C-alpha atoms as a PDB file:
ATOM      1  CA  MET A   1      -0.425   0.235  -0.116  1.00  0.00           C
ATOM      2  CA  ALA A   2       1.486   3.402  -1.160  1.00  0.00           C
ATOM      3  CA  ALA A   3       0.319   6.451  -1.169  1.00  0.00           C
ATOM      4  CA  THR A   4       0.869   6.465  -5.332  1.00  0.00           C
ATOM      5  CA  GLY A   5      -1.113   3.541  -5.833  1.00  0.00           C
ATOM      6  CA  GLU A   6       1.623   1.873  -6.602  1.00  0.00           C
ATOM      7  CA  ALA A   7       1.784  -2.301  -5.375  1.00  0.00           C
ATOM      8  CA  LEU A   8       4.809  -2.856  -2.798  1.00  0.00           C
ATOM      9  CA  THR A   9       6.910  -6.047  -2.668  1.00  0.00           C
ATOM     10  CA  PRO A  10       7.363  -7.684   0.585  1.00  0.00           C
ATOM     11  CA  GLN A  11      10.273  -5.200   1.677  1.00  0.00           C
ATOM     12  CA  GLY A  12       8.686  -2.322   0.207  1.00  0.00           C
ATOM     13  CA  TYR A  13       5.827  -3.235   2.378  1.00  0.00           C
ATOM     14  CA  ILE A  14       7.626  -3.418   5.741  1.00  0.00           C
ATOM     15  CA  GLN A  15       9.742  -0.313   5.040  1.00  0.00           C
ATOM     16  CA  HIS A  16       6.933   2.024   4.069  1.00  0.00           C
ATOM     17  CA  HIS A  17       5.064   0.312   7.647  1.00  0.00           C
ATOM     18  CA  LEU A  18       8.543   1.001   9.412  1.00  0.00           C
ATOM     19  CA  THR A  19       9.047   4.683   7.787  1.00  0.00           C
ATOM     20  CA  ASN A  20       8.336   7.620   9.716  1.00  0.00           C
ATOM     21  CA  LEU A  21       6.525  11.007   8.041  1.00  0.00           C
ATOM     22  CA  ALA A  22       9.039  13.664   8.995  1.00  0.00           C
ATOM     23  CA  VAL A  23      10.455  16.582   7.486  1.00  0.00           C
ATOM     24  CA  GLY A  24      13.501  18.378   8.064  1.00  0.00           C
ATOM     25  CA  GLU A  25      17.380  17.125   7.607  1.00  0.00           C
ATOM     26  CA  GLY A  26      20.202  15.615  10.084  1.00  0.00           C
ATOM     27  CA  PHE A  27      20.001  16.092  13.427  1.00  0.00           C
ATOM     28  CA  TRP A  28      16.633  18.963  12.713  1.00  0.00           C
ATOM     29  CA  THR A  29      14.726  16.083  11.684  1.00  0.00           C
ATOM     30  CA  TRP A  30      11.156  16.071  12.884  1.00  0.00           C
ATOM     31  CA  HIS A  31       8.861  12.869  13.216  1.00  0.00           C
ATOM     32  CA  ILE A  32       6.102  14.686  12.749  1.00  0.00           C
ATOM     33  CA  ASP A  33       3.942  11.359  13.199  1.00  0.00           C
ATOM     34  CA  SER A  34       5.603  10.385  16.143  1.00  0.00           C
ATOM     35  CA  LEU A  35       4.948  13.948  17.626  1.00  0.00           C
ATOM     36  CA  LEU A  36       1.189  13.999  16.821  1.00  0.00           C
ATOM     37  CA  PHE A  37       0.101  10.606  18.085  1.00  0.00           C
ATOM     38  CA  SER A  38       2.012  11.028  21.475  1.00  0.00           C
ATOM     39  CA  VAL A  39       1.094  14.510  22.228  1.00  0.00           C
ATOM     40  CA  GLY A  40      -2.341  13.815  20.892  1.00  0.00           C
ATOM     41  CA  LEU A  41      -2.338  10.438  23.198  1.00  0.00           C
ATOM     42  CA  GLY A  42      -0.720  12.893  26.182  1.00  0.00           C
ATOM     43  CA  VAL A  43      -3.677  15.432  25.875  1.00  0.00           C
ATOM     44  CA  LEU A  44      -6.576  12.820  26.004  1.00  0.00           C
ATOM     45  CA  PHE A  45      -5.056  11.403  29.046  1.00  0.00           C
ATOM     46  CA  LEU A  46      -5.029  14.517  30.574  1.00  0.00           C
ATOM     47  CA  TRP A  47      -8.776  14.930  29.814  1.00  0.00           C
ATOM     48  CA  ILE A  48     -10.094  11.677  30.849  1.00  0.00           C
ATOM     49  CA  PHE A  49      -8.375  11.795  34.470  1.00  0.00           C
ATOM     50  CA  ARG A  50      -9.377  15.548  35.084  1.00  0.00           C
ATOM     51  CA  SER A  51     -12.545  14.897  34.067  1.00  0.00           C
ATOM     52  CA  VAL A  52     -13.399  11.690  35.820  1.00  0.00           C
ATOM     53  CA  GLY A  53     -11.512  13.628  39.021  1.00  0.00           C
ATOM     54  CA  LYS A  54     -14.090  16.950  38.491  1.00  0.00           C
ATOM     55  CA  LYS A  55     -16.898  14.540  38.085  1.00  0.00           C
ATOM     56  CA  ALA A  56     -15.964  11.989  40.929  1.00  0.00           C
ATOM     57  CA  THR A  57     -18.238  11.489  44.012  1.00  0.00           C
ATOM     58  CA  THR A  58     -18.513   9.314  47.222  1.00  0.00           C
ATOM     59  CA  GLY A  59     -21.453   7.549  45.959  1.00  0.00           C
ATOM     60  CA  VAL A  60     -21.138   4.675  44.138  1.00  0.00           C
ATOM     61  CA  PRO A  61     -18.765   5.202  41.427  1.00  0.00           C
ATOM     62  CA  GLY A  62     -19.507   4.727  37.457  1.00  0.00           C
ATOM     63  CA  LYS A  63     -17.658   2.114  35.430  1.00  0.00           C
ATOM     64  CA  LEU A  64     -15.087   5.057  34.087  1.00  0.00           C
ATOM     65  CA  GLN A  65     -14.353   6.363  37.555  1.00  0.00           C
ATOM     66  CA  CYS A  66     -13.479   2.504  39.359  1.00  0.00           C
ATOM     67  CA  PHE A  67     -11.571   1.767  36.375  1.00  0.00           C
ATOM     68  CA  VAL A  68      -9.100   5.438  36.775  1.00  0.00           C
ATOM     69  CA  GLU A  69      -9.405   4.883  40.956  1.00  0.00           C
ATOM     70  CA  MET A  70      -8.073   1.177  40.325  1.00  0.00           C
ATOM     71  CA  ILE A  71      -5.237   2.208  38.414  1.00  0.00           C
ATOM     72  CA  VAL A  72      -4.484   4.994  40.436  1.00  0.00           C
ATOM     73  CA  GLU A  73      -4.363   3.144  43.870  1.00  0.00           C
ATOM     74  CA  PHE A  74      -2.424   0.438  41.886  1.00  0.00           C
ATOM     75  CA  VAL A  75       0.434   2.918  41.100  1.00  0.00           C
ATOM     76  CA  ASP A  76       0.847   4.827  44.571  1.00  0.00           C
ATOM     77  CA  ASN A  77       0.881   1.468  45.607  1.00  0.00           C
ATOM     78  CA  SER A  78       3.372   0.839  43.582  1.00  0.00           C
ATOM     79  CA  VAL A  79       4.985   3.938  44.433  1.00  0.00           C
ATOM     80  CA  LYS A  80       4.892   3.179  48.496  1.00  0.00           C
ATOM     81  CA  GLU A  81       6.312  -0.102  48.373  1.00  0.00           C
ATOM     82  CA  THR A  82       9.644   1.341  46.297  1.00  0.00           C
ATOM     83  CA  PHE A  83      10.195   4.606  46.922  1.00  0.00           C
ATOM     84  CA  HIS A  84      11.486   5.656  50.237  1.00  0.00           C
ATOM     85  CA  GLY A  85      11.963   9.252  50.217  1.00  0.00           C
ATOM     86  CA  ARG A  86       9.064  11.963  50.856  1.00  0.00           C
ATOM     87  CA  ASN A  87       8.083  13.807  47.629  1.00  0.00           C
ATOM     88  CA  THR A  88       4.973  14.474  46.120  1.00  0.00           C
ATOM     89  CA  LEU A  89       5.943  14.518  42.469  1.00  0.00           C
ATOM     90  CA  ILE A  90       6.631  11.134  41.999  1.00  0.00           C
ATOM     91  CA  ALA A  91       3.530   9.267  42.662  1.00  0.00           C
ATOM     92  CA  PRO A  92       1.962  11.773  39.644  1.00  0.00           C
ATOM     93  CA  LEU A  93       4.866  11.129  37.602  1.00  0.00           C
ATOM     94  CA  ALA A  94       5.110   7.199  38.240  1.00  0.00           C
ATOM     95  CA  LEU A  95       0.759   7.328  37.071  1.00  0.00           C
ATOM     96  CA  THR A  96       2.115   9.897  33.983  1.00  0.00           C
ATOM     97  CA  ILE A  97       4.550   7.143  32.710  1.00  0.00           C
ATOM     98  CA  PHE A  98       2.285   4.474  32.983  1.00  0.00           C
ATOM     99  CA  VAL A  99      -0.508   5.228  31.652  1.00  0.00           C
ATOM    100  CA  TRP A 100       0.511   7.474  29.230  1.00  0.00           C
ATOM    101  CA  VAL A 101       3.484   5.187  27.800  1.00  0.00           C
ATOM    102  CA  PHE A 102       0.555   2.331  28.024  1.00  0.00           C
ATOM    103  CA  MET A 103      -1.553   4.459  25.716  1.00  0.00           C
ATOM    104  CA  MET A 104       1.306   4.809  23.368  1.00  0.00           C
ATOM    105  CA  ASN A 105       1.876   1.109  23.249  1.00  0.00           C
ATOM    106  CA  PHE A 106      -1.789   0.593  22.963  1.00  0.00           C
ATOM    107  CA  MET A 107      -2.011   1.853  19.674  1.00  0.00           C
ATOM    108  CA  ASP A 108      -0.015  -0.836  18.425  1.00  0.00           C
ATOM    109  CA  MET A 109      -3.471  -2.547  18.736  1.00  0.00           C
ATOM    110  CA  VAL A 110      -4.853  -1.138  15.728  1.00  0.00           C
ATOM    111  CA  PRO A 111      -4.446  -3.087  12.350  1.00  0.00           C
ATOM    112  CA  VAL A 112      -1.125  -2.348  10.593  1.00  0.00           C
ATOM    113  CA  ASP A 113      -2.828  -0.838   7.944  1.00  0.00           C
ATOM    114  CA  TRP A 114      -6.077   0.997   8.610  1.00  0.00           C
ATOM    115  CA  LEU A 115      -4.650   4.131   9.628  1.00  0.00           C
ATOM    116  CA  PRO A 116      -1.623   4.064   7.320  1.00  0.00           C
ATOM    117  CA  HIS A 117      -4.080   3.682   4.181  1.00  0.00           C
ATOM    118  CA  THR A 118      -6.396   6.029   5.192  1.00  0.00           C
ATOM    119  CA  ALA A 119      -3.298   8.859   5.395  1.00  0.00           C
ATOM    120  CA  ALA A 120      -2.403   7.411   1.925  1.00  0.00           C
ATOM    121  CA  LEU A 121      -5.290   8.053   0.884  1.00  0.00           C
ATOM    122  CA  LEU A 122      -5.870  11.864   2.009  1.00  0.00           C
ATOM    123  CA  GLY A 123      -2.270  12.114   0.252  1.00  0.00           C
ATOM    124  CA  VAL A 124       0.369  11.621   3.588  1.00  0.00           C
ATOM    125  CA  PRO A 125       2.857   8.958   2.291  1.00  0.00           C
ATOM    126  CA  TYR A 126       3.960   7.593   5.834  1.00  0.00           C
ATOM    127  CA  LEU A 127       2.294   7.322   9.090  1.00  0.00           C
ATOM    128  CA  LYS A 128       3.840   5.126  12.065  1.00  0.00           C
ATOM    129  CA  VAL A 129       1.008   5.128  14.661  1.00  0.00           C
ATOM    130  CA  VAL A 130       3.014   3.948  17.631  1.00  0.00           C
ATOM    131  CA  PRO A 131       4.624   6.233  18.709  1.00  0.00           C
ATOM    132  CA  THR A 132       7.096   4.089  21.175  1.00  0.00           C
ATOM    133  CA  THR A 133       8.680   2.412  17.991  1.00  0.00           C
ATOM    134  CA  ASP A 134      10.073   5.903  17.727  1.00  0.00           C
ATOM    135  CA  LEU A 135      13.530   5.623  19.436  1.00  0.00           C
ATOM    136  CA  ASN A 136      13.321   9.530  19.533  1.00  0.00           C
ATOM    137  CA  ILE A 137      10.187   9.107  21.636  1.00  0.00           C
ATOM    138  CA  THR A 138      11.375   6.293  24.113  1.00  0.00           C
ATOM    139  CA  LEU A 139      14.992   8.612  24.700  1.00  0.00           C
ATOM    140  CA  SER A 140      13.262  11.955  25.317  1.00  0.00           C
ATOM    141  CA  LEU A 141      11.266   9.841  27.869  1.00  0.00           C
ATOM    142  CA  ALA A 142      14.261   8.180  29.161  1.00  0.00           C
ATOM    143  CA  LEU A 143      16.152  11.635  28.864  1.00  0.00           C
ATOM    144  CA  GLY A 144      13.290  13.369  30.972  1.00  0.00           C
ATOM    145  CA  VAL A 145      13.982  10.703  33.875  1.00  0.00           C
ATOM    146  CA  PHE A 146      17.576  11.240  33.392  1.00  0.00           C
ATOM    147  CA  ALA A 147      17.209  14.443  34.377  1.00  0.00           C
ATOM    148  CA  LEU A 148      15.298  14.371  37.639  1.00  0.00           C
ATOM    149  CA  ILE A 149      17.688  11.801  38.326  1.00  0.00           C
ATOM    150  CA  ILE A 150      20.760  14.076  37.986  1.00  0.00           C
ATOM    151  CA  TYR A 151      18.563  17.352  39.572  1.00  0.00           C
ATOM    152  CA  TYR A 152      17.189  15.241  42.676  1.00  0.00           C
ATOM    153  CA  SER A 153      20.906  13.611  42.936  1.00  0.00           C
ATOM    154  CA  ILE A 154      22.191  17.163  43.439  1.00  0.00           C
ATOM    155  CA  LYS A 155      18.650  18.422  45.881  1.00  0.00           C
ATOM    156  CA  VAL A 156      19.249  15.827  48.570  1.00  0.00           C
ATOM    157  CA  LYS A 157      22.861  15.214  48.886  1.00  0.00           C
ATOM    158  CA  GLY A 158      24.086  18.339  47.614  1.00  0.00           C
ATOM    159  CA  VAL A 159      26.606  18.891  44.429  1.00  0.00           C
ATOM    160  CA  SER A 160      29.850  17.823  46.521  1.00  0.00           C
ATOM    161  CA  GLY A 161      27.565  14.716  48.314  1.00  0.00           C
ATOM    162  CA  PHE A 162      26.562  13.867  44.420  1.00  0.00           C
ATOM    163  CA  VAL A 163      30.635  14.385  43.470  1.00  0.00           C
ATOM    164  CA  LYS A 164      31.811  11.891  46.765  1.00  0.00           C
ATOM    165  CA  GLU A 165      28.908   9.426  45.783  1.00  0.00           C
ATOM    166  CA  LEU A 166      30.643   9.153  41.728  1.00  0.00           C
ATOM    167  CA  THR A 167      33.861   9.176  42.753  1.00  0.00           C
ATOM    168  CA  LEU A 168      34.393   7.241  46.141  1.00  0.00           C
ATOM    169  CA  GLN A 169      32.052   4.413  45.524  1.00  0.00           C
ATOM    170  CA  PRO A 170      32.115   1.557  45.133  1.00  0.00           C
ATOM    171  CA  PHE A 171      36.118   2.106  46.628  1.00  0.00           C
ATOM    172  CA  ASN A 172      36.155   4.341  49.069  1.00  0.00           C
ATOM    173  CA  HIS A 173      40.240   5.133  48.697  1.00  0.00           C
ATOM    174  CA  TRP A 174      41.454   8.151  46.744  1.00  0.00           C
ATOM    175  CA  ALA A 175      43.891   6.035  44.902  1.00  0.00           C
ATOM    176  CA  MET A 176      40.315   4.791  43.023  1.00  0.00           C
ATOM    177  CA  ILE A 177      38.949   7.771  42.290  1.00  0.00           C
ATOM    178  CA  PRO A 178      39.736   7.429  38.585  1.00  0.00           C
ATOM    179  CA  VAL A 179      38.129   4.171  38.719  1.00  0.00           C
ATOM    180  CA  ASN A 180      35.221   4.623  40.850  1.00  0.00           C
ATOM    181  CA  LEU A 181      34.418   7.910  38.479  1.00  0.00           C
ATOM    182  CA  LEU A 182      34.690   5.622  35.148  1.00  0.00           C
ATOM    183  CA  LEU A 183      32.200   2.611  37.047  1.00  0.00           C
ATOM    184  CA  GLU A 184      29.835   5.183  38.307  1.00  0.00           C
ATOM    185  CA  THR A 185      29.537   7.539  35.059  1.00  0.00           C
ATOM    186  CA  VAL A 186      28.816   4.490  32.749  1.00  0.00           C
ATOM    187  CA  THR A 187      26.227   3.063  35.300  1.00  0.00           C
ATOM    188  CA  LEU A 188      24.436   6.471  35.519  1.00  0.00           C
ATOM    189  CA  ILE A 189      24.493   7.086  31.567  1.00  0.00           C
ATOM    190  CA  ALA A 190      23.111   3.749  31.341  1.00  0.00           C
ATOM    191  CA  LYS A 191      19.766   3.952  32.974  1.00  0.00           C
ATOM    192  CA  PRO A 192      18.401   6.427  29.991  1.00  0.00           C
ATOM    193  CA  ILE A 193      20.181   4.635  27.839  1.00  0.00           C
ATOM    194  CA  SER A 194      18.625   1.397  28.987  1.00  0.00           C
ATOM    195  CA  LEU A 195      15.075   2.915  29.676  1.00  0.00           C
ATOM    196  CA  ALA A 196      14.953   3.841  25.967  1.00  0.00           C
ATOM    197  CA  LEU A 197      16.287   0.988  24.217  1.00  0.00           C
ATOM    198  CA  ARG A 198      14.400  -1.441  26.411  1.00  0.00           C
ATOM    199  CA  LEU A 199      10.938   0.213  25.274  1.00  0.00           C
ATOM    200  CA  PHE A 200      11.859   0.859  21.780  1.00  0.00           C
ATOM    201  CA  GLY A 201      13.238  -2.419  21.070  1.00  0.00           C
ATOM    202  CA  ASN A 202       9.916  -4.245  22.234  1.00  0.00           C
ATOM    203  CA  LEU A 203       7.698  -2.072  21.022  1.00  0.00           C
ATOM    204  CA  TYR A 204       9.846  -1.931  17.622  1.00  0.00           C
ATOM    205  CA  ALA A 205       9.763  -5.770  17.817  1.00  0.00           C
ATOM    206  CA  GLY A 206       6.173  -6.458  18.618  1.00  0.00           C
ATOM    207  CA  GLU A 207       5.131  -3.873  15.319  1.00  0.00           C
ATOM    208  CA  LEU A 208       7.160  -6.079  12.733  1.00  0.00           C
ATOM    209  CA  ILE A 209       5.875  -8.892  13.765  1.00  0.00           C
ATOM    210  CA  PHE A 210       2.053  -7.575  13.118  1.00  0.00           C
ATOM    211  CA  ILE A 211       3.323  -6.460   9.840  1.00  0.00           C
ATOM    212  CA  LEU A 212       5.119  -9.956   9.025  1.00  0.00           C
ATOM    213  CA  ILE A 213       1.613 -11.388   9.795  1.00  0.00           C
ATOM    214  CA  ALA A 214      -0.152  -9.331   7.448  1.00  0.00           C
ATOM    215  CA  LEU A 215       1.997 -10.036   4.773  1.00  0.00           C
ATOM    216  CA  MET A 216       0.122 -13.191   4.560  1.00  0.00           C
ATOM    217  CA  TYR A 217      -2.767 -12.201   3.684  1.00  0.00           C
ATOM    218  CA  GLY A 218      -1.803 -11.774   0.574  1.00  0.00           C
ATOM    219  CA  ALA A 219      -1.533 -15.190   0.016  1.00  0.00           C
ATOM    220  CA  ASN A 220      -4.023 -18.476  -0.416  1.00  0.00           C
ATOM    221  CA  TRP A 221      -6.580 -18.936   1.554  1.00  0.00           C
ATOM    222  CA  LEU A 222      -4.553 -20.889   3.717  1.00  0.00           C
ATOM    223  CA  ILE A 223      -2.189 -19.188   4.566  1.00  0.00           C
ATOM    224  CA  ALA A 224      -4.452 -16.311   4.980  1.00  0.00           C
ATOM    225  CA  SER A 225      -6.294 -18.590   7.747  1.00  0.00           C
ATOM    226  CA  LEU A 226      -3.240 -19.241   9.253  1.00  0.00           C
ATOM    227  CA  GLY A 227      -2.438 -15.426   9.588  1.00  0.00           C
ATOM    228  CA  VAL A 228      -5.317 -14.577  11.262  1.00  0.00           C
ATOM    229  CA  THR A 229      -4.530 -16.840  13.533  1.00  0.00           C
ATOM    230  CA  LEU A 230      -1.520 -15.703  14.146  1.00  0.00           C
ATOM    231  CA  GLN A 231      -3.078 -12.270  14.321  1.00  0.00           C
ATOM    232  CA  LEU A 232      -5.009 -13.288  17.007  1.00  0.00           C
ATOM    233  CA  GLY A 233      -2.692 -14.848  19.518  1.00  0.00           C
ATOM    234  CA  TRP A 234      -0.219 -12.053  18.775  1.00  0.00           C
ATOM    235  CA  LEU A 235      -2.933  -9.515  19.705  1.00  0.00           C
ATOM    236  CA  ILE A 236      -3.949 -11.435  22.848  1.00  0.00           C
ATOM    237  CA  PHE A 237       0.028 -11.858  24.007  1.00  0.00           C
ATOM    238  CA  HIS A 238       0.997  -8.725  22.860  1.00  0.00           C
ATOM    239  CA  ILE A 239      -1.567  -7.196  24.843  1.00  0.00           C
ATOM    240  CA  LEU A 240       0.623  -8.599  28.021  1.00  0.00           C
ATOM    241  CA  VAL A 241       3.699  -6.992  26.715  1.00  0.00           C
ATOM    242  CA  ILE A 242       2.703  -3.424  26.150  1.00  0.00           C
ATOM    243  CA  THR A 243       1.536  -3.254  29.878  1.00  0.00           C
ATOM    244  CA  LEU A 244       4.241  -4.734  31.103  1.00  0.00           C
ATOM    245  CA  GLN A 245       6.536  -2.218  29.538  1.00  0.00           C
ATOM    246  CA  ALA A 246       4.863   0.204  30.644  1.00  0.00           C
ATOM    247  CA  PHE A 247       4.476  -1.024  34.107  1.00  0.00           C
ATOM    248  CA  ILE A 248       8.491  -1.620  33.628  1.00  0.00           C
ATOM    249  CA  PHE A 249       9.027   2.019  32.215  1.00  0.00           C
ATOM    250  CA  MET A 250       7.277   3.168  35.264  1.00  0.00           C
ATOM    251  CA  MET A 251       9.114   0.433  38.541  1.00  0.00           C
ATOM    252  CA  LEU A 252      12.649   1.606  36.585  1.00  0.00           C
ATOM    253  CA  THR A 253      11.724   5.084  37.082  1.00  0.00           C
ATOM    254  CA  ILE A 254      10.207   5.252  40.991  1.00  0.00           C
ATOM    255  CA  VAL A 255      13.666   3.075  41.500  1.00  0.00           C
ATOM    256  CA  TYR A 256      16.255   4.729  40.294  1.00  0.00           C
ATOM    257  CA  LEU A 257      14.542   8.643  42.016  1.00  0.00           C
ATOM    258  CA  SER A 258      14.454   6.771  45.108  1.00  0.00           C
ATOM    259  CA  MET A 259      18.252   6.103  44.111  1.00  0.00           C
ATOM    260  CA  ALA A 260      18.679   9.587  43.603  1.00  0.00           C
ATOM    261  CA  HIS A 261      17.372  10.259  47.026  1.00  0.00           C
ATOM    262  CA  GLU A 262      19.260   8.186  49.104  1.00  0.00           C
ATOM    263  CA  ASP A 263      22.032   9.827  51.056  1.00  0.00           C
ATOM    264  CA  HIS A 264      24.916   7.682  51.560  1.00  0.00           C
END
């Protein structure tokens, strides 16, 4: 499926679905589709939760209010069990991360051809609808968490305390400062990189499998029937994947920020 109406080879079909709608060149390339869906889903999240909060009652809650309260309670319990400092920002941050990342991941449940084909009919050549399959999005989320880690590390420990943490751990001797600095710097930088790559890798692989299964629909009826079965099976399994990845991103964020609040 292409905007020009020309048939695509299997390789071209895969490449088409994994290509972002981009403007600009080099470092200043903007992935319009990733920005559109990530910001749009973020606004949708805020609107839903704000609406539920304004309409919440002490009586018997509606289904949506009950669902939102379950999520809030789940995240709140996760923060209480994992975060050992005192900071009123952590619970709202964890809730935002969990719900927002889950909503971006959930776009993977939309059949791979629906939105790109609609966009092609409107003259838009490319459209990737899962923001977390874009490394730029996952890395930007991770860098936001990384900035908070640095901020609270300095705020809680002070500049000198943060420097001592980097230079006098794990070997508390002045002669081992270069080794400690190397080890701690690598550990610190690995946190946002691992956050970004874990989320990106799992969702990118999941989207690719959906695309490969979709290729089976163009074959004979027997292979197409197998494709439907595989699609349903992977869809059910992938619901667990997208939920787990949102949960892992949230929990690692809480753990990293808890470590930033610990004064050794």
